[in-house]
Amino acid sequence: VGHVAPEAQVGGPIGMVNDGGTSSRSTPRRTISVDISDDEVARRQAAFVPPPLKYTRGTMSWY
């Protein structure tokens, strides 16, 4: 599920899952969802500070 890394880095819903939080995915439906209310996602996004990039060059920097 590595393709979610860019979304998490910029504060998307997947990045709002905290340690111990839950998410689910469905390969046939091509969906990933987080089990957090919309209000809680908004609160977490408002407080979000992007972590420093781990890779600034090379293939992994694209993600």
PDB file of N, CA and C in Angstrom:
ATOM      1  N   VAL A   1       0.838  -1.177   0.000  1.00  0.00           N
ATOM      2  CA  VAL A   1       0.000   0.000   0.000  1.00  0.00           C
ATOM      3  C   VAL A   1       0.887   1.246   0.000  1.00  0.00           C
ATOM      4  N   GLY A   2       2.055   1.140  -0.601  1.00  0.00           N
ATOM      5  CA  GLY A   2       3.005   2.240  -0.605  1.00  0.00           C
ATOM      6  C   GLY A   2       2.528   3.485  -1.310  1.00  0.00           C
ATOM      7  N   HIS A   3       1.559   3.374  -2.205  1.00  0.00           N
ATOM      8  CA  HIS A   3       1.103   4.555  -2.940  1.00  0.00           C
ATOM      9  C   HIS A   3       0.406   5.574  -2.054  1.00  0.00           C
ATOM     10  N   VAL A   4       0.069   5.233  -0.816  1.00  0.00           N
ATOM     11  CA  VAL A   4      -0.582   6.200   0.069  1.00  0.00           C
ATOM     12  C   VAL A   4       0.421   7.143   0.722  1.00  0.00           C
ATOM     13  N   ALA A   5       1.703   6.860   0.586  1.00  0.00           N
ATOM     14  CA  ALA A   5       2.719   7.666   1.258  1.00  0.00           C
ATOM     15  C   ALA A   5       2.633   9.147   0.895  1.00  0.00           C
ATOM     16  N   PRO A   6       2.480   9.518  -0.391  1.00  0.00           N
ATOM     17  CA  PRO A   6       2.382  10.958  -0.688  1.00  0.00           C
ATOM     18  C   PRO A   6       1.179  11.612  -0.017  1.00  0.00           C
ATOM     19  N   GLU A   7       0.062  10.912   0.023  1.00  0.00           N
ATOM     20  CA  GLU A   7      -1.131  11.473   0.663  1.00  0.00           C
ATOM     21  C   GLU A   7      -0.892  11.697   2.148  1.00  0.00           C
ATOM     22  N   ALA A   8      -0.277  10.745   2.800  1.00  0.00           N
ATOM     23  CA  ALA A   8      -0.003  10.871   4.229  1.00  0.00           C
ATOM     24  C   ALA A   8       0.967  12.018   4.501  1.00  0.00           C
ATOM     25  N   GLN A   9       1.948  12.195   3.640  1.00  0.00           N
ATOM     26  CA  GLN A   9       2.957  13.244   3.825  1.00  0.00           C
ATOM     27  C   GLN A   9       2.347  14.640   3.779  1.00  0.00           C
ATOM     28  N   VAL A  10       1.283  14.812   2.986  1.00  0.00           N
ATOM     29  CA  VAL A  10       0.698  16.149   2.839  1.00  0.00           C
ATOM     30  C   VAL A  10      -0.555  16.342   3.688  1.00  0.00           C
ATOM     31  N   GLY A  11      -0.879  15.383   4.561  1.00  0.00           N
ATOM     32  CA  GLY A  11      -2.000  15.566   5.473  1.00  0.00           C
ATOM     33  C   GLY A  11      -3.321  15.015   4.996  1.00  0.00           C
ATOM     34  N   GLY A  12      -3.294  14.036   4.096  1.00  0.00           N
ATOM     35  CA  GLY A  12      -4.531  13.397   3.651  1.00  0.00           C
ATOM     36  C   GLY A  12      -5.104  12.480   4.725  1.00  0.00           C
ATOM     37  N   PRO A  13      -6.282  11.914   4.481  1.00  0.00           N
ATOM     38  CA  PRO A  13      -6.955  11.091   5.493  1.00  0.00           C
ATOM     39  C   PRO A  13      -6.114   9.933   6.029  1.00  0.00           C
ATOM     40  N   ILE A  14      -5.353   9.260   5.191  1.00  0.00           N
ATOM     41  CA  ILE A  14      -4.523   8.153   5.662  1.00  0.00           C
ATOM     42  C   ILE A  14      -3.480   8.662   6.659  1.00  0.00           C
ATOM     43  N   GLY A  15      -2.988   9.864   6.462  1.00  0.00           N
ATOM     44  CA  GLY A  15      -2.023  10.446   7.389  1.00  0.00           C
ATOM     45  C   GLY A  15      -2.616  10.834   8.729  1.00  0.00           C
ATOM     46  N   MET A  16      -3.936  10.802   8.838  1.00  0.00           N
ATOM     47  CA  MET A  16      -4.586  11.187  10.093  1.00  0.00           C
ATOM     48  C   MET A  16      -4.804  10.002  11.029  1.00  0.00           C
ATOM     49  N   VAL A  17      -4.457   8.802  10.588  1.00  0.00           N
ATOM     50  CA  VAL A  17      -4.583   7.628  11.447  1.00  0.00           C
ATOM     51  C   VAL A  17      -3.427   7.649  12.440  1.00  0.00           C
ATOM     52  N   ASN A  18      -3.757   7.627  13.716  1.00  0.00           N
ATOM     53  CA  ASN A  18      -2.742   7.621  14.766  1.00  0.00           C
ATOM     54  C   ASN A  18      -2.349   6.195  15.102  1.00  0.00           C
ATOM     55  N   ASP A  19      -1.258   6.039  15.835  1.00  0.00           N
ATOM     56  CA  ASP A  19      -0.885   4.720  16.321  1.00  0.00           C
ATOM     57  C   ASP A  19      -2.075   4.115  17.049  1.00  0.00           C
ATOM     58  N   GLY A  20      -2.369   2.876  16.746  1.00  0.00           N
ATOM     59  CA  GLY A  20      -3.505   2.208  17.374  1.00  0.00           C
ATOM     60  C   GLY A  20      -4.818   2.454  16.656  1.00  0.00           C
ATOM     61  N   GLY A  21      -4.845   3.381  15.703  1.00  0.00           N
ATOM     62  CA  GLY A  21      -6.055   3.638  14.930  1.00  0.00           C
ATOM     63  C   GLY A  21      -6.289   2.513  13.937  1.00  0.00           C
ATOM     64  N   THR A  22      -7.446   2.513  13.329  1.00  0.00           N
ATOM     65  CA  THR A  22      -7.750   1.444  12.389  1.00  0.00           C
ATOM     66  C   THR A  22      -8.093   1.994  11.018  1.00  0.00           C
ATOM     67  N   SER A  23      -7.793   1.180  10.045  1.00  0.00           N
ATOM     68  CA  SER A  23      -8.144   1.476   8.664  1.00  0.00           C
ATOM     69  C   SER A  23      -8.538   0.153   8.024  1.00  0.00           C
ATOM     70  N   SER A  24      -9.180   0.241   6.896  1.00  0.00           N
ATOM     71  CA  SER A  24      -9.548  -0.971   6.179  1.00  0.00           C
ATOM     72  C   SER A  24      -9.337  -0.746   4.699  1.00  0.00           C
ATOM     73  N   ARG A  25      -9.137  -1.842   3.998  1.00  0.00           N
ATOM     74  CA  ARG A  25      -8.950  -1.739   2.552  1.00  0.00           C
ATOM     75  C   ARG A  25      -9.700  -2.870   1.877  1.00  0.00           C
ATOM     76  N   SER A  26     -10.108  -2.611   0.679  1.00  0.00           N
ATOM     77  CA  SER A  26     -10.796  -3.610  -0.132  1.00  0.00           C
ATOM     78  C   SER A  26     -10.129  -3.620  -1.497  1.00  0.00           C
ATOM     79  N   THR A  27      -9.424  -4.677  -1.768  1.00  0.00           N
ATOM     80  CA  THR A  27      -8.756  -4.789  -3.067  1.00  0.00           C
ATOM     81  C   THR A  27      -9.766  -4.856  -4.208  1.00  0.00           C
ATOM     82  N   PRO A  28     -10.824  -5.670  -4.103  1.00  0.00           N
ATOM     83  CA  PRO A  28     -11.780  -5.713  -5.222  1.00  0.00           C
ATOM     84  C   PRO A  28     -12.440  -4.361  -5.504  1.00  0.00           C
ATOM     85  N   ARG A  29     -12.724  -3.588  -4.442  1.00  0.00           N
ATOM     86  CA  ARG A  29     -13.361  -2.277  -4.630  1.00  0.00           C
ATOM     87  C   ARG A  29     -12.345  -1.161  -4.841  1.00  0.00           C
ATOM     88  N   ARG A  30     -11.062  -1.482  -4.631  1.00  0.00           N
ATOM     89  CA  ARG A  30      -9.974  -0.498  -4.763  1.00  0.00           C
ATOM     90  C   ARG A  30     -10.181   0.688  -3.826  1.00  0.00           C
ATOM     91  N   THR A  31     -10.486   0.385  -2.561  1.00  0.00           N
ATOM     92  CA  THR A  31     -10.707   1.448  -1.582  1.00  0.00           C
ATOM     93  C   THR A  31      -9.838   1.244  -0.347  1.00  0.00           C
ATOM     94  N   ILE A  32      -9.503   2.349   0.281  1.00  0.00           N
ATOM     95  CA  ILE A  32      -8.845   2.368   1.584  1.00  0.00           C
ATOM     96  C   ILE A  32      -9.625   3.387   2.405  1.00  0.00           C
ATOM     97  N   SER A  33     -10.008   3.023   3.612  1.00  0.00           N
ATOM     98  CA  SER A  33     -10.745   3.968   4.442  1.00  0.00           C
ATOM     99  C   SER A  33     -10.212   3.950   5.864  1.00  0.00           C
ATOM    100  N   VAL A  34     -10.407   5.058   6.537  1.00  0.00           N
ATOM    101  CA  VAL A  34     -10.003   5.175   7.937  1.00  0.00           C
ATOM    102  C   VAL A  34     -11.259   5.214   8.794  1.00  0.00           C
ATOM    103  N   ASP A  35     -11.160   4.632   9.975  1.00  0.00           N
ATOM    104  CA  ASP A  35     -12.312   4.571  10.864  1.00  0.00           C
ATOM    105  C   ASP A  35     -12.272   5.730  11.858  1.00  0.00           C
ATOM    106  N   ILE A  36     -12.452   6.947  11.314  1.00  0.00           N
ATOM    107  CA  ILE A  36     -12.418   8.182  12.091  1.00  0.00           C
ATOM    108  C   ILE A  36     -13.576   9.048  11.607  1.00  0.00           C
ATOM    109  N   SER A  37     -14.244   9.735  12.511  1.00  0.00           N
ATOM    110  CA  SER A  37     -15.340  10.614  12.100  1.00  0.00           C
ATOM    111  C   SER A  37     -14.800  11.787  11.284  1.00  0.00           C
ATOM    112  N   ASP A  38     -15.640  12.366  10.469  1.00  0.00           N
ATOM    113  CA  ASP A  38     -15.233  13.524   9.660  1.00  0.00           C
ATOM    114  C   ASP A  38     -14.776  14.679  10.544  1.00  0.00           C
ATOM    115  N   ASP A  39     -15.446  14.883  11.677  1.00  0.00           N
ATOM    116  CA  ASP A  39     -15.057  15.962  12.596  1.00  0.00           C
ATOM    117  C   ASP A  39     -13.654  15.719  13.160  1.00  0.00           C
ATOM    118  N   GLU A  40     -13.364  14.462  13.498  1.00  0.00           N
ATOM    119  CA  GLU A  40     -12.041  14.140  14.039  1.00  0.00           C
ATOM    120  C   GLU A  40     -10.963  14.291  12.972  1.00  0.00           C
ATOM    121  N   VAL A  41     -11.254  13.893  11.745  1.00  0.00           N
ATOM    122  CA  VAL A  41     -10.292  14.080  10.645  1.00  0.00           C
ATOM    123  C   VAL A  41     -10.000  15.570  10.478  1.00  0.00           C
ATOM    124  N   ALA A  42     -11.034  16.408  10.481  1.00  0.00           N
ATOM    125  CA  ALA A  42     -10.846  17.856  10.330  1.00  0.00           C
ATOM    126  C   ALA A  42     -10.001  18.420  11.466  1.00  0.00           C
ATOM    127  N   ARG A  43     -10.243  17.959  12.694  1.00  0.00           N
ATOM    128  CA  ARG A  43      -9.463  18.428  13.845  1.00  0.00           C
ATOM    129  C   ARG A  43      -7.993  18.035  13.704  1.00  0.00           C
ATOM    130  N   ARG A  44      -7.756  16.799  13.305  1.00  0.00           N
ATOM    131  CA  ARG A  44      -6.378  16.344  13.136  1.00  0.00           C
ATOM    132  C   ARG A  44      -5.680  17.057  11.984  1.00  0.00           C
ATOM    133  N   GLN A  45      -6.408  17.299  10.886  1.00  0.00           N
ATOM    134  CA  GLN A  45      -5.807  18.010   9.750  1.00  0.00           C
ATOM    135  C   GLN A  45      -5.451  19.441  10.129  1.00  0.00           C
ATOM    136  N   ALA A  46      -6.260  20.083  10.939  1.00  0.00           N
ATOM    137  CA  ALA A  46      -5.972  21.458  11.362  1.00  0.00           C
ATOM    138  C   ALA A  46      -4.693  21.516  12.197  1.00  0.00           C
ATOM    139  N   ALA A  47      -4.399  20.447  12.932  1.00  0.00           N
ATOM    140  CA  ALA A  47      -3.216  20.422  13.787  1.00  0.00           C
ATOM    141  C   ALA A  47      -2.018  19.747  13.106  1.00  0.00           C
ATOM    142  N   PHE A  48      -2.197  19.296  11.875  1.00  0.00           N
ATOM    143  CA  PHE A  48      -1.163  18.522  11.187  1.00  0.00           C
ATOM    144  C   PHE A  48       0.069  19.362  10.842  1.00  0.00           C
ATOM    145  N   VAL A  49       1.227  18.811  11.128  1.00  0.00           N
ATOM    146  CA  VAL A  49       2.508  19.395  10.723  1.00  0.00           C
ATOM    147  C   VAL A  49       3.232  18.302   9.943  1.00  0.00           C
ATOM    148  N   PRO A  50       3.539  18.527   8.658  1.00  0.00           N
ATOM    149  CA  PRO A  50       4.170  17.474   7.869  1.00  0.00           C
ATOM    150  C   PRO A  50       5.511  17.040   8.469  1.00  0.00           C
ATOM    151  N   PRO A  51       5.750  15.740   8.505  1.00  0.00           N
ATOM    152  CA  PRO A  51       7.046  15.279   8.979  1.00  0.00           C
ATOM    153  C   PRO A  51       8.118  15.599   7.947  1.00  0.00           C
ATOM    154  N   PRO A  52       9.379  15.668   8.367  1.00  0.00           N
ATOM    155  CA  PRO A  52      10.435  15.923   7.384  1.00  0.00           C
ATOM    156  C   PRO A  52      10.515  14.778   6.382  1.00  0.00           C
ATOM    157  N   LEU A  53      10.878  15.106   5.164  1.00  0.00           N
ATOM    158  CA  LEU A  53      11.029  14.083   4.135  1.00  0.00           C
ATOM    159  C   LEU A  53      12.184  13.147   4.494  1.00  0.00           C
ATOM    160  N   LYS A  54      11.974  11.849   4.340  1.00  0.00           N
ATOM    161  CA  LYS A  54      13.032  10.883   4.623  1.00  0.00           C
ATOM    162  C   LYS A  54      14.000  10.781   3.455  1.00  0.00           C
ATOM    163  N   TYR A  55      13.499  11.024   2.252  1.00  0.00           N
ATOM    164  CA  TYR A  55      14.329  10.919   1.052  1.00  0.00           C
ATOM    165  C   TYR A  55      14.156  12.195   0.237  1.00  0.00           C
ATOM    166  N   THR A  56      15.246  12.800  -0.133  1.00  0.00           N
ATOM    167  CA  THR A  56      15.163  14.023  -0.939  1.00  0.00           C
ATOM    168  C   THR A  56      15.697  13.819  -2.344  1.00  0.00           C
ATOM    169  N   ARG A  57      16.225  12.625  -2.627  1.00  0.00           N
ATOM    170  CA  ARG A  57      16.671  12.319  -3.979  1.00  0.00           C
ATOM    171  C   ARG A  57      16.561  10.817  -4.209  1.00  0.00           C
ATOM    172  N   GLY A  58      16.632  10.423  -5.452  1.00  0.00           N
ATOM    173  CA  GLY A  58      16.485   9.020  -5.794  1.00  0.00           C
ATOM    174  C   GLY A  58      15.030   8.612  -5.964  1.00  0.00           C
ATOM    175  N   THR A  59      14.833   7.338  -6.241  1.00  0.00           N
ATOM    176  CA  THR A  59      13.503   6.827  -6.531  1.00  0.00           C
ATOM    177  C   THR A  59      12.508   7.090  -5.407  1.00  0.00           C
ATOM    178  N   MET A  60      12.893   6.880  -4.171  1.00  0.00           N
ATOM    179  CA  MET A  60      11.953   7.048  -3.059  1.00  0.00           C
ATOM    180  C   MET A  60      11.520   8.508  -2.880  1.00  0.00           C
ATOM    181  N   SER A  61      12.277   9.448  -3.375  1.00  0.00           N
ATOM    182  CA  SER A  61      11.876  10.855  -3.250  1.00  0.00           C
ATOM    183  C   SER A  61      10.637  11.156  -4.095  1.00  0.00           C
ATOM    184  N   TRP A  62      10.334  10.311  -5.052  1.00  0.00           N
ATOM    185  CA  TRP A  62       9.148  10.500  -5.878  1.00  0.00           C
ATOM    186  C   TRP A  62       7.884  10.205  -5.099  1.00  0.00           C
ATOM    187  N   TYR A  63       8.008   9.462  -4.018  1.00  0.00           N
ATOM    188  CA  TYR A  63       6.851   9.023  -3.243  1.00  0.00           C
ATOM    189  C   TYR A  63       6.793   9.717  -1.925  1.00  0.00           C
TER     190      TYR A  63
END
